[in-house]
Amino acid sequence: MANGQWYPPEWPERIRALAAGTLTPVTPKRAATVMLLKDTGSGPAVHMLRRRASMAFAGGAYAYPGGGVDPRDDDHHVRWAGPTRAWWADRLGVDETAAQAIVCAAVRETYEEAGVLLAGPAPDSVVGDTTGAGWEADRAALVARDLSFAEFLDRRGLVLRSDLLGAWTRWITPEFEARRYDTWFFVAALPKGQRTRNASTEADRTVWIGPGEAAAGYDKGELLMMPPTIATLRQLTAYETAAQALAAAPGRDLTPVLATARLVDGEIVLSWPGHDEFTKHIPTAPTGGATA
């Protein structure tokens, strides 16, 4: 492998099956992930976790905190601050119920996997240290789905700070993948007084790393990543501070990026629109794998 692009060995066969019409794509699940940033002396760093090698999906790959929408994230009683649900619906290209669920998933998953909470007791405040035993008990209850995010906010007297998030990009898992997600990527700055920790059972390592350094590790084949992860890292290298990245978010195009597989000159070409570096050429019949 010339770089760290995550490429499961079963993909070529699944791509051939999709092209032949013998594979029916599964419906992608809604998901959200957050690129959590903090400023350092050499520019912003992003919080990343390495998925355990035993994970069925993207095992060993570096990613950001995130995960699927909990059906209860649609709860209309979620305490809310910042842009309205209607504003978010327009920004994300969904209805208001789905917009709330996606934003809630982004905030909830960041708390579940990194211990960082984008919420406060008032619309203009944010909680400080969240590492106490009581906070940890609530976080564990959220992970176990014993507690909904709306119930958690009510219990703590908190409001979700949607204004602390910036919608960055949207990627949909390819049609030939067995586990599919329709994922909205957000940026956020680490709130003052809070700190990250490896709170996820799905990760064996977490790091704060500069986007350029992480991209260089990918290019050397040292860090394994899925296409949207390395693509967003390259995009973040343009900003000197977390505030600059957040300020740029409202102007970002949220047209979904979805890989396509097409037959060209006797081979299947796998490509991600707008991201030529991920293109793969796959023989129409098994011959030992894909080529770059």
C-alpha atoms as a PDB file:
ATOM      1  CA  MET A   1       0.000   0.000   0.000  1.00  0.00           C
ATOM      2  CA  ALA A   2       1.520   3.292  -1.076  1.00  0.00           C
ATOM      3  CA  ASN A   3      -0.448   5.218   1.536  1.00  0.00           C
ATOM      4  CA  GLY A   4      -2.789   4.585   4.452  1.00  0.00           C
ATOM      5  CA  GLN A   5      -6.050   4.345   2.491  1.00  0.00           C
ATOM      6  CA  TRP A   6      -8.435   1.934   4.156  1.00  0.00           C
ATOM      7  CA  TYR A   7      -9.413  -0.630   1.561  1.00  0.00           C
ATOM      8  CA  PRO A   8     -11.147  -3.818   2.790  1.00  0.00           C
ATOM      9  CA  PRO A   9     -10.170  -7.002   0.925  1.00  0.00           C
ATOM     10  CA  GLU A  10     -13.828  -7.857   0.275  1.00  0.00           C
ATOM     11  CA  TRP A  11     -14.509  -4.656  -1.655  1.00  0.00           C
ATOM     12  CA  PRO A  12     -13.489  -5.846  -5.156  1.00  0.00           C
ATOM     13  CA  GLU A  13     -15.871  -8.803  -5.021  1.00  0.00           C
ATOM     14  CA  ARG A  14     -18.696  -6.638  -3.669  1.00  0.00           C
ATOM     15  CA  ILE A  15     -18.047  -4.013  -6.352  1.00  0.00           C
ATOM     16  CA  ARG A  16     -18.183  -6.665  -9.074  1.00  0.00           C
ATOM     17  CA  ALA A  17     -21.458  -7.948  -7.590  1.00  0.00           C
ATOM     18  CA  LEU A  18     -22.917  -4.441  -7.562  1.00  0.00           C
ATOM     19  CA  ALA A  19     -21.871  -3.882 -11.181  1.00  0.00           C
ATOM     20  CA  ALA A  20     -23.432  -7.234 -12.132  1.00  0.00           C
ATOM     21  CA  GLY A  21     -26.685  -6.350 -10.405  1.00  0.00           C
ATOM     22  CA  THR A  22     -26.468  -9.184  -7.880  1.00  0.00           C
ATOM     23  CA  LEU A  23     -25.843  -6.948  -4.852  1.00  0.00           C
ATOM     24  CA  THR A  24     -28.646  -4.858  -3.383  1.00  0.00           C
ATOM     25  CA  PRO A  25     -27.333  -1.762  -1.551  1.00  0.00           C
ATOM     26  CA  VAL A  26     -28.407  -1.388   2.077  1.00  0.00           C
ATOM     27  CA  THR A  27     -29.974   1.882   3.202  1.00  0.00           C
ATOM     28  CA  PRO A  28     -27.385   4.123   4.906  1.00  0.00           C
ATOM     29  CA  LYS A  29     -27.971   5.094   8.516  1.00  0.00           C
ATOM     30  CA  ARG A  30     -27.753   8.742   9.574  1.00  0.00           C
ATOM     31  CA  ALA A  31     -24.590   9.572  11.475  1.00  0.00           C
ATOM     32  CA  ALA A  32     -22.493  12.510  12.642  1.00  0.00           C
ATOM     33  CA  THR A  33     -18.839  13.003  13.468  1.00  0.00           C
ATOM     34  CA  VAL A  34     -16.952  15.967  14.927  1.00  0.00           C
ATOM     35  CA  MET A  35     -13.502  17.283  14.117  1.00  0.00           C
ATOM     36  CA  LEU A  36     -12.645  18.692  17.543  1.00  0.00           C
ATOM     37  CA  LEU A  37      -9.939  21.366  17.305  1.00  0.00           C
ATOM     38  CA  LYS A  38      -7.675  23.170  19.747  1.00  0.00           C
ATOM     39  CA  ASP A  39      -5.034  25.818  19.094  1.00  0.00           C
ATOM     40  CA  THR A  40      -1.350  25.095  19.660  1.00  0.00           C
ATOM     41  CA  GLY A  41       1.810  27.086  19.095  1.00  0.00           C
ATOM     42  CA  SER A  42       2.101  25.592  15.619  1.00  0.00           C
ATOM     43  CA  GLY A  43      -1.532  25.859  14.546  1.00  0.00           C
ATOM     44  CA  PRO A  44      -4.669  23.887  15.318  1.00  0.00           C
ATOM     45  CA  ALA A  45      -4.571  20.249  16.360  1.00  0.00           C
ATOM     46  CA  VAL A  46      -7.426  17.814  15.811  1.00  0.00           C
ATOM     47  CA  HIS A  47      -8.548  15.078  18.193  1.00  0.00           C
ATOM     48  CA  MET A  48      -8.431  11.629  16.586  1.00  0.00           C
ATOM     49  CA  LEU A  49      -9.004   8.106  17.814  1.00  0.00           C
ATOM     50  CA  ARG A  50      -7.749   4.820  16.436  1.00  0.00           C
ATOM     51  CA  ARG A  51     -10.467   2.220  16.050  1.00  0.00           C
ATOM     52  CA  ARG A  52      -9.643  -1.143  17.599  1.00  0.00           C
ATOM     53  CA  ALA A  53      -8.341  -3.678  15.094  1.00  0.00           C
ATOM     54  CA  SER A  54     -11.149  -6.029  16.149  1.00  0.00           C
ATOM     55  CA  MET A  55     -13.842  -3.602  14.931  1.00  0.00           C
ATOM     56  CA  ALA A  56     -15.867  -4.978  12.021  1.00  0.00           C
ATOM     57  CA  PHE A  57     -15.942  -1.582  10.299  1.00  0.00           C
ATOM     58  CA  ALA A  58     -12.658   0.258   9.641  1.00  0.00           C
ATOM     59  CA  GLY A  59     -10.699  -1.620  12.294  1.00  0.00           C
ATOM     60  CA  GLY A  60      -7.303   0.014  12.928  1.00  0.00           C
ATOM     61  CA  ALA A  61      -8.245   3.205  11.098  1.00  0.00           C
ATOM     62  CA  TYR A  62      -7.896   6.687  12.574  1.00  0.00           C
ATOM     63  CA  ALA A  63     -11.133   8.655  12.768  1.00  0.00           C
ATOM     64  CA  TYR A  64     -12.934  11.391  14.694  1.00  0.00           C
ATOM     65  CA  PRO A  65     -15.450  10.964  17.520  1.00  0.00           C
ATOM     66  CA  GLY A  66     -18.828  10.141  16.053  1.00  0.00           C
ATOM     67  CA  GLY A  67     -21.492   7.571  15.449  1.00  0.00           C
ATOM     68  CA  GLY A  68     -25.033   6.837  14.409  1.00  0.00           C
ATOM     69  CA  VAL A  69     -28.170   8.757  15.279  1.00  0.00           C
ATOM     70  CA  ASP A  70     -30.080   7.417  18.279  1.00  0.00           C
ATOM     71  CA  PRO A  71     -33.807   7.378  17.383  1.00  0.00           C
ATOM     72  CA  ARG A  72     -34.377   9.371  20.577  1.00  0.00           C
ATOM     73  CA  ASP A  73     -32.204  12.188  19.176  1.00  0.00           C
ATOM     74  CA  ASP A  74     -35.416  13.148  17.331  1.00  0.00           C
ATOM     75  CA  ASP A  75     -36.987  14.004  20.709  1.00  0.00           C
ATOM     76  CA  HIS A  76     -38.680  17.401  20.421  1.00  0.00           C
ATOM     77  CA  HIS A  77     -37.911  18.231  24.048  1.00  0.00           C
ATOM     78  CA  VAL A  78     -34.154  18.593  23.574  1.00  0.00           C
ATOM     79  CA  ARG A  79     -32.999  21.827  25.211  1.00  0.00           C
ATOM     80  CA  TRP A  80     -31.572  23.927  22.391  1.00  0.00           C
ATOM     81  CA  ALA A  81     -29.461  27.066  21.914  1.00  0.00           C
ATOM     82  CA  GLY A  82     -27.921  28.647  18.830  1.00  0.00           C
ATOM     83  CA  PRO A  83     -29.295  28.603  15.281  1.00  0.00           C
ATOM     84  CA  THR A  84     -32.847  27.291  15.081  1.00  0.00           C
ATOM     85  CA  ARG A  85     -33.803  23.826  13.951  1.00  0.00           C
ATOM     86  CA  ALA A  86     -35.177  25.414  10.775  1.00  0.00           C
ATOM     87  CA  TRP A  87     -31.782  27.016  10.114  1.00  0.00           C
ATOM     88  CA  TRP A  88     -30.026  23.702  10.611  1.00  0.00           C
ATOM     89  CA  ALA A  89     -32.565  21.920   8.400  1.00  0.00           C
ATOM     90  CA  ASP A  90     -31.742  24.318   5.577  1.00  0.00           C
ATOM     91  CA  ARG A  91     -28.007  23.983   6.181  1.00  0.00           C
ATOM     92  CA  LEU A  92     -27.981  20.175   6.341  1.00  0.00           C
ATOM     93  CA  GLY A  93     -30.531  19.630   3.575  1.00  0.00           C
ATOM     94  CA  VAL A  94     -33.006  17.676   5.716  1.00  0.00           C
ATOM     95  CA  ASP A  95     -36.230  18.349   7.598  1.00  0.00           C
ATOM     96  CA  GLU A  96     -36.230  19.934  11.054  1.00  0.00           C
ATOM     97  CA  THR A  97     -36.667  16.658  12.942  1.00  0.00           C
ATOM     98  CA  ALA A  98     -33.734  15.073  11.142  1.00  0.00           C
ATOM     99  CA  ALA A  99     -31.649  18.241  11.605  1.00  0.00           C
ATOM    100  CA  GLN A 100     -32.126  18.109  15.353  1.00  0.00           C
ATOM    101  CA  ALA A 101     -31.271  14.422  15.421  1.00  0.00           C
ATOM    102  CA  ILE A 102     -28.042  14.917  13.436  1.00  0.00           C
ATOM    103  CA  VAL A 103     -26.881  17.863  15.556  1.00  0.00           C
ATOM    104  CA  CYS A 104     -27.783  15.978  18.742  1.00  0.00           C
ATOM    105  CA  ALA A 105     -25.851  12.947  17.513  1.00  0.00           C
ATOM    106  CA  ALA A 106     -22.788  15.121  16.881  1.00  0.00           C
ATOM    107  CA  VAL A 107     -22.858  16.576  20.402  1.00  0.00           C
ATOM    108  CA  ARG A 108     -23.818  13.316  22.115  1.00  0.00           C
ATOM    109  CA  GLU A 109     -21.204  11.184  20.351  1.00  0.00           C
ATOM    110  CA  THR A 110     -18.457  13.730  21.116  1.00  0.00           C
ATOM    111  CA  TYR A 111     -19.351  13.430  24.785  1.00  0.00           C
ATOM    112  CA  GLU A 112     -19.649   9.652  24.668  1.00  0.00           C
ATOM    113  CA  GLU A 113     -16.340   9.063  22.866  1.00  0.00           C
ATOM    114  CA  ALA A 114     -14.161  12.003  23.934  1.00  0.00           C
ATOM    115  CA  GLY A 115     -15.725  13.232  27.179  1.00  0.00           C
ATOM    116  CA  VAL A 116     -16.245  16.707  25.689  1.00  0.00           C
ATOM    117  CA  LEU A 117     -19.674  18.292  26.029  1.00  0.00           C
ATOM    118  CA  LEU A 118     -20.902  21.139  23.802  1.00  0.00           C
ATOM    119  CA  ALA A 119     -23.636  22.252  26.183  1.00  0.00           C
ATOM    120  CA  GLY A 120     -24.079  24.737  28.998  1.00  0.00           C
ATOM    121  CA  PRO A 121     -26.466  25.905  31.718  1.00  0.00           C
ATOM    122  CA  ALA A 122     -27.386  28.920  29.592  1.00  0.00           C
ATOM    123  CA  PRO A 123     -27.400  29.742  25.860  1.00  0.00           C
ATOM    124  CA  ASP A 124     -24.179  31.738  26.245  1.00  0.00           C
ATOM    125  CA  SER A 125     -22.247  29.399  28.548  1.00  0.00           C
ATOM    126  CA  VAL A 126     -20.598  25.990  28.378  1.00  0.00           C
ATOM    127  CA  VAL A 127     -19.842  23.474  31.093  1.00  0.00           C
ATOM    128  CA  GLY A 128     -16.298  23.171  32.439  1.00  0.00           C
ATOM    129  CA  ASP A 129     -14.599  19.978  33.618  1.00  0.00           C
ATOM    130  CA  THR A 130     -16.752  16.895  32.960  1.00  0.00           C
ATOM    131  CA  THR A 131     -14.453  14.222  34.404  1.00  0.00           C
ATOM    132  CA  GLY A 132     -16.143  13.641  37.780  1.00  0.00           C
ATOM    133  CA  ALA A 133     -17.765  10.371  38.839  1.00  0.00           C
ATOM    134  CA  GLY A 134     -21.290  11.736  38.337  1.00  0.00           C
ATOM    135  CA  TRP A 135     -20.514  12.904  34.818  1.00  0.00           C
ATOM    136  CA  GLU A 136     -18.944   9.561  34.014  1.00  0.00           C
ATOM    137  CA  ALA A 137     -22.028   7.705  35.250  1.00  0.00           C
ATOM    138  CA  ASP A 138     -24.236   9.795  32.989  1.00  0.00           C
ATOM    139  CA  ARG A 139     -21.878   9.306  30.047  1.00  0.00           C
ATOM    140  CA  ALA A 140     -21.923   5.530  30.557  1.00  0.00           C
ATOM    141  CA  ALA A 141     -25.729   5.592  30.701  1.00  0.00           C
ATOM    142  CA  LEU A 142     -25.813   7.440  27.382  1.00  0.00           C
ATOM    143  CA  VAL A 143     -23.482   4.888  25.798  1.00  0.00           C
ATOM    144  CA  ALA A 144     -25.648   2.030  27.100  1.00  0.00           C
ATOM    145  CA  ARG A 145     -28.755   3.847  25.786  1.00  0.00           C
ATOM    146  CA  ASP A 146     -30.216   3.723  29.298  1.00  0.00           C
ATOM    147  CA  LEU A 147     -30.514   7.497  29.090  1.00  0.00           C
ATOM    148  CA  SER A 148     -31.552   9.626  26.128  1.00  0.00           C
ATOM    149  CA  PHE A 149     -29.662  12.803  25.321  1.00  0.00           C
ATOM    150  CA  ALA A 150     -32.780  14.878  26.020  1.00  0.00           C
ATOM    151  CA  GLU A 151     -33.131  13.247  29.449  1.00  0.00           C
ATOM    152  CA  PHE A 152     -29.451  13.853  30.146  1.00  0.00           C
ATOM    153  CA  LEU A 153     -29.737  17.558  29.342  1.00  0.00           C
ATOM    154  CA  ASP A 154     -32.880  17.890  31.470  1.00  0.00           C
ATOM    155  CA  ARG A 155     -31.246  16.104  34.393  1.00  0.00           C
ATOM    156  CA  ARG A 156     -28.263  18.432  34.240  1.00  0.00           C
ATOM    157  CA  GLY A 157     -30.234  21.585  33.463  1.00  0.00           C
ATOM    158  CA  LEU A 158     -28.243  22.101  30.269  1.00  0.00           C
ATOM    159  CA  VAL A 159     -28.956  23.359  26.773  1.00  0.00           C
ATOM    160  CA  LEU A 160     -27.308  21.993  23.625  1.00  0.00           C
ATOM    161  CA  ARG A 161     -25.035  24.661  22.101  1.00  0.00           C
ATOM    162  CA  SER A 162     -25.630  24.150  18.387  1.00  0.00           C
ATOM    163  CA  ASP A 163     -23.767  27.425  17.732  1.00  0.00           C
ATOM    164  CA  LEU A 164     -20.525  25.736  18.784  1.00  0.00           C
ATOM    165  CA  LEU A 165     -20.734  23.445  15.738  1.00  0.00           C
ATOM    166  CA  GLY A 166     -19.944  24.183  12.111  1.00  0.00           C
ATOM    167  CA  ALA A 167     -21.212  21.812   9.397  1.00  0.00           C
ATOM    168  CA  TRP A 168     -18.213  20.928   7.223  1.00  0.00           C
ATOM    169  CA  THR A 169     -18.970  18.154   4.733  1.00  0.00           C
ATOM    170  CA  ARG A 170     -21.174  15.134   4.106  1.00  0.00           C
ATOM    171  CA  TRP A 171     -20.075  11.684   2.945  1.00  0.00           C
ATOM    172  CA  ILE A 172     -22.183   8.616   2.213  1.00  0.00           C
ATOM    173  CA  THR A 173     -20.651   5.153   2.480  1.00  0.00           C
ATOM    174  CA  PRO A 174     -20.379   3.488  -0.977  1.00  0.00           C
ATOM    175  CA  GLU A 175     -23.335   1.395  -2.143  1.00  0.00           C
ATOM    176  CA  PHE A 176     -21.263  -1.795  -2.170  1.00  0.00           C
ATOM    177  CA  GLU A 177     -20.288  -1.548   1.531  1.00  0.00           C
ATOM    178  CA  ALA A 178     -22.151  -3.859   3.908  1.00  0.00           C
ATOM    179  CA  ARG A 179     -22.341  -1.185   6.621  1.00  0.00           C
ATOM    180  CA  ARG A 180     -23.460   2.149   5.234  1.00  0.00           C
ATOM    181  CA  TYR A 181     -23.673   5.579   6.853  1.00  0.00           C
ATOM    182  CA  ASP A 182     -24.873   8.967   5.688  1.00  0.00           C
ATOM    183  CA  THR A 183     -22.468  11.049   7.750  1.00  0.00           C
ATOM    184  CA  TRP A 184     -22.356  14.781   8.376  1.00  0.00           C
ATOM    185  CA  PHE A 185     -18.935  16.058   9.472  1.00  0.00           C
ATOM    186  CA  PHE A 186     -18.774  19.032  11.845  1.00  0.00           C
ATOM    187  CA  VAL A 187     -15.985  21.193  13.271  1.00  0.00           C
ATOM    188  CA  ALA A 188     -15.901  22.468  16.861  1.00  0.00           C
ATOM    189  CA  ALA A 189     -13.361  24.015  19.205  1.00  0.00           C
ATOM    190  CA  LEU A 190     -12.469  22.350  22.504  1.00  0.00           C
ATOM    191  CA  PRO A 191     -14.365  24.353  25.165  1.00  0.00           C
ATOM    192  CA  LYS A 192     -12.284  26.131  27.789  1.00  0.00           C
ATOM    193  CA  GLY A 193     -11.860  24.035  30.926  1.00  0.00           C
ATOM    194  CA  GLN A 194     -12.672  20.737  29.229  1.00  0.00           C
ATOM    195  CA  ARG A 195     -10.244  18.026  28.212  1.00  0.00           C
ATOM    196  CA  THR A 196     -10.465  14.973  26.016  1.00  0.00           C
ATOM    197  CA  ARG A 197      -9.919  11.408  27.116  1.00  0.00           C
ATOM    198  CA  ASN A 198     -10.255   7.993  25.524  1.00  0.00           C
ATOM    199  CA  ALA A 199     -13.784   7.304  26.681  1.00  0.00           C
ATOM    200  CA  SER A 200     -14.677   5.038  23.758  1.00  0.00           C
ATOM    201  CA  THR A 201     -14.699   1.252  23.974  1.00  0.00           C
ATOM    202  CA  GLU A 202     -14.209   1.265  20.192  1.00  0.00           C
ATOM    203  CA  ALA A 203     -10.781   2.968  20.315  1.00  0.00           C
ATOM    204  CA  ASP A 204      -7.407   1.791  21.575  1.00  0.00           C
ATOM    205  CA  ARG A 205      -5.627   5.141  21.196  1.00  0.00           C
ATOM    206  CA  THR A 206      -6.415   8.843  21.014  1.00  0.00           C
ATOM    207  CA  VAL A 207      -4.167  11.694  19.898  1.00  0.00           C
ATOM    208  CA  TRP A 208      -4.122  15.433  19.380  1.00  0.00           C
ATOM    209  CA  ILE A 209      -2.325  15.903  16.098  1.00  0.00           C
ATOM    210  CA  GLY A 210      -1.854  18.641  13.517  1.00  0.00           C
ATOM    211  CA  PRO A 211      -3.846  17.993  10.336  1.00  0.00           C
ATOM    212  CA  GLY A 212      -0.670  18.307   8.247  1.00  0.00           C
ATOM    213  CA  GLU A 213       1.207  15.849  10.442  1.00  0.00           C
ATOM    214  CA  ALA A 214      -1.653  13.360  10.306  1.00  0.00           C
ATOM    215  CA  ALA A 215      -1.883  13.704   6.522  1.00  0.00           C
ATOM    216  CA  ALA A 216       1.859  13.113   6.237  1.00  0.00           C
ATOM    217  CA  GLY A 217       1.504   9.942   8.308  1.00  0.00           C
ATOM    218  CA  TYR A 218      -1.211   8.767   5.947  1.00  0.00           C
ATOM    219  CA  ASP A 219       0.909   9.537   2.881  1.00  0.00           C
ATOM    220  CA  LYS A 220       3.761   7.440   4.331  1.00  0.00           C
ATOM    221  CA  GLY A 221       1.408   4.525   4.984  1.00  0.00           C
ATOM    222  CA  GLU A 222       1.860   4.890   8.751  1.00  0.00           C
ATOM    223  CA  LEU A 223      -1.700   5.966   9.622  1.00  0.00           C
ATOM    224  CA  LEU A 224      -4.669   4.069   8.225  1.00  0.00           C
ATOM    225  CA  MET A 225      -7.694   6.220   7.323  1.00  0.00           C
ATOM    226  CA  MET A 226     -10.920   6.118   5.389  1.00  0.00           C
ATOM    227  CA  PRO A 227     -11.225   8.560   2.445  1.00  0.00           C
ATOM    228  CA  PRO A 228     -13.395  11.163   4.237  1.00  0.00           C
ATOM    229  CA  THR A 229     -10.955  11.333   7.140  1.00  0.00           C
ATOM    230  CA  ILE A 230      -7.862  12.102   5.092  1.00  0.00           C
ATOM    231  CA  ALA A 231      -9.875  14.379   2.793  1.00  0.00           C
ATOM    232  CA  THR A 232     -11.051  16.518   5.705  1.00  0.00           C
ATOM    233  CA  LEU A 233      -7.565  16.582   7.244  1.00  0.00           C
ATOM    234  CA  ARG A 234      -6.176  18.012   4.007  1.00  0.00           C
ATOM    235  CA  GLN A 235      -8.927  20.643   4.044  1.00  0.00           C
ATOM    236  CA  LEU A 236      -8.116  21.666   7.634  1.00  0.00           C
ATOM    237  CA  THR A 237      -4.474  22.383   6.807  1.00  0.00           C
ATOM    238  CA  ALA A 238      -5.566  25.691   5.237  1.00  0.00           C
ATOM    239  CA  TYR A 239      -6.458  27.224   8.624  1.00  0.00           C
ATOM    240  CA  GLU A 240      -4.121  28.742  11.212  1.00  0.00           C
ATOM    241  CA  THR A 241      -6.582  28.636  14.116  1.00  0.00           C
ATOM    242  CA  ALA A 242      -9.652  26.719  15.219  1.00  0.00           C
ATOM    243  CA  ALA A 243     -11.660  29.947  14.954  1.00  0.00           C
ATOM    244  CA  GLN A 244     -10.700  30.309  11.298  1.00  0.00           C
ATOM    245  CA  ALA A 245     -11.937  26.809  10.532  1.00  0.00           C
ATOM    246  CA  LEU A 246     -15.228  27.460  12.337  1.00  0.00           C
ATOM    247  CA  ALA A 247     -15.655  30.753  10.493  1.00  0.00           C
ATOM    248  CA  ALA A 248     -15.196  28.938   7.164  1.00  0.00           C
ATOM    249  CA  ALA A 249     -17.786  26.239   7.916  1.00  0.00           C
ATOM    250  CA  PRO A 250     -20.947  28.139   6.858  1.00  0.00           C
ATOM    251  CA  GLY A 251     -19.559  28.519   3.339  1.00  0.00           C
ATOM    252  CA  ARG A 252     -18.721  24.847   2.906  1.00  0.00           C
ATOM    253  CA  ASP A 253     -20.536  22.786   0.262  1.00  0.00           C
ATOM    254  CA  LEU A 254     -22.562  19.964   1.842  1.00  0.00           C
ATOM    255  CA  THR A 255     -23.354  18.133  -1.399  1.00  0.00           C
ATOM    256  CA  PRO A 256     -22.957  14.451  -0.427  1.00  0.00           C
ATOM    257  CA  VAL A 257     -19.796  12.686  -1.572  1.00  0.00           C
ATOM    258  CA  LEU A 258     -20.690   9.176  -2.736  1.00  0.00           C
ATOM    259  CA  ALA A 259     -18.259   6.776  -4.377  1.00  0.00           C
ATOM    260  CA  THR A 260     -19.221   5.459  -7.803  1.00  0.00           C
ATOM    261  CA  ALA A 261     -18.155   2.253  -9.565  1.00  0.00           C
ATOM    262  CA  ARG A 262     -18.349   2.239 -13.374  1.00  0.00           C
ATOM    263  CA  LEU A 263     -17.124  -0.042 -16.148  1.00  0.00           C
ATOM    264  CA  VAL A 264     -14.360   1.519 -18.288  1.00  0.00           C
ATOM    265  CA  ASP A 265     -12.307  -0.407 -20.890  1.00  0.00           C
ATOM    266  CA  GLY A 266     -12.878  -3.771 -19.312  1.00  0.00           C
ATOM    267  CA  GLU A 267     -12.252  -2.775 -15.709  1.00  0.00           C
ATOM    268  CA  ILE A 268     -14.285  -1.247 -12.897  1.00  0.00           C
ATOM    269  CA  VAL A 269     -13.164   2.244 -11.887  1.00  0.00           C
ATOM    270  CA  LEU A 270     -13.965   3.150  -8.291  1.00  0.00           C
ATOM    271  CA  SER A 271     -13.930   6.893  -7.666  1.00  0.00           C
ATOM    272  CA  TRP A 272     -15.063   9.533  -5.216  1.00  0.00           C
ATOM    273  CA  PRO A 273     -16.290  12.675  -7.051  1.00  0.00           C
ATOM    274  CA  GLY A 274     -13.951  15.593  -6.414  1.00  0.00           C
ATOM    275  CA  HIS A 275     -11.311  13.388  -4.785  1.00  0.00           C
ATOM    276  CA  ASP A 276      -9.161  11.844  -7.499  1.00  0.00           C
ATOM    277  CA  GLU A 277      -6.524  10.552  -5.074  1.00  0.00           C
ATOM    278  CA  PHE A 278      -8.858   7.745  -3.968  1.00  0.00           C
ATOM    279  CA  THR A 279      -9.545   6.331  -7.449  1.00  0.00           C
ATOM    280  CA  LYS A 280      -9.048   2.565  -7.779  1.00  0.00           C
ATOM    281  CA  HIS A 281      -9.028   0.328 -10.878  1.00  0.00           C
ATOM    282  CA  ILE A 282     -10.554  -3.093 -10.289  1.00  0.00           C
ATOM    283  CA  PRO A 283     -10.495  -5.995 -12.796  1.00  0.00           C
ATOM    284  CA  THR A 284     -13.918  -7.199 -13.916  1.00  0.00           C
ATOM    285  CA  ALA A 285     -12.846 -10.714 -12.888  1.00  0.00           C
ATOM    286  CA  PRO A 286     -10.777 -11.661  -9.806  1.00  0.00           C
ATOM    287  CA  THR A 287      -7.053 -11.384 -10.602  1.00  0.00           C
ATOM    288  CA  GLY A 288      -5.506 -10.689  -7.218  1.00  0.00           C
ATOM    289  CA  GLY A 289      -6.965  -7.381  -6.117  1.00  0.00           C
ATOM    290  CA  ALA A 290      -7.254  -3.721  -7.013  1.00  0.00           C
ATOM    291  CA  THR A 291      -4.593  -1.401  -8.347  1.00  0.00           C
ATOM    292  CA  ALA A 292      -4.082   2.228  -7.582  1.00  0.00           C
END
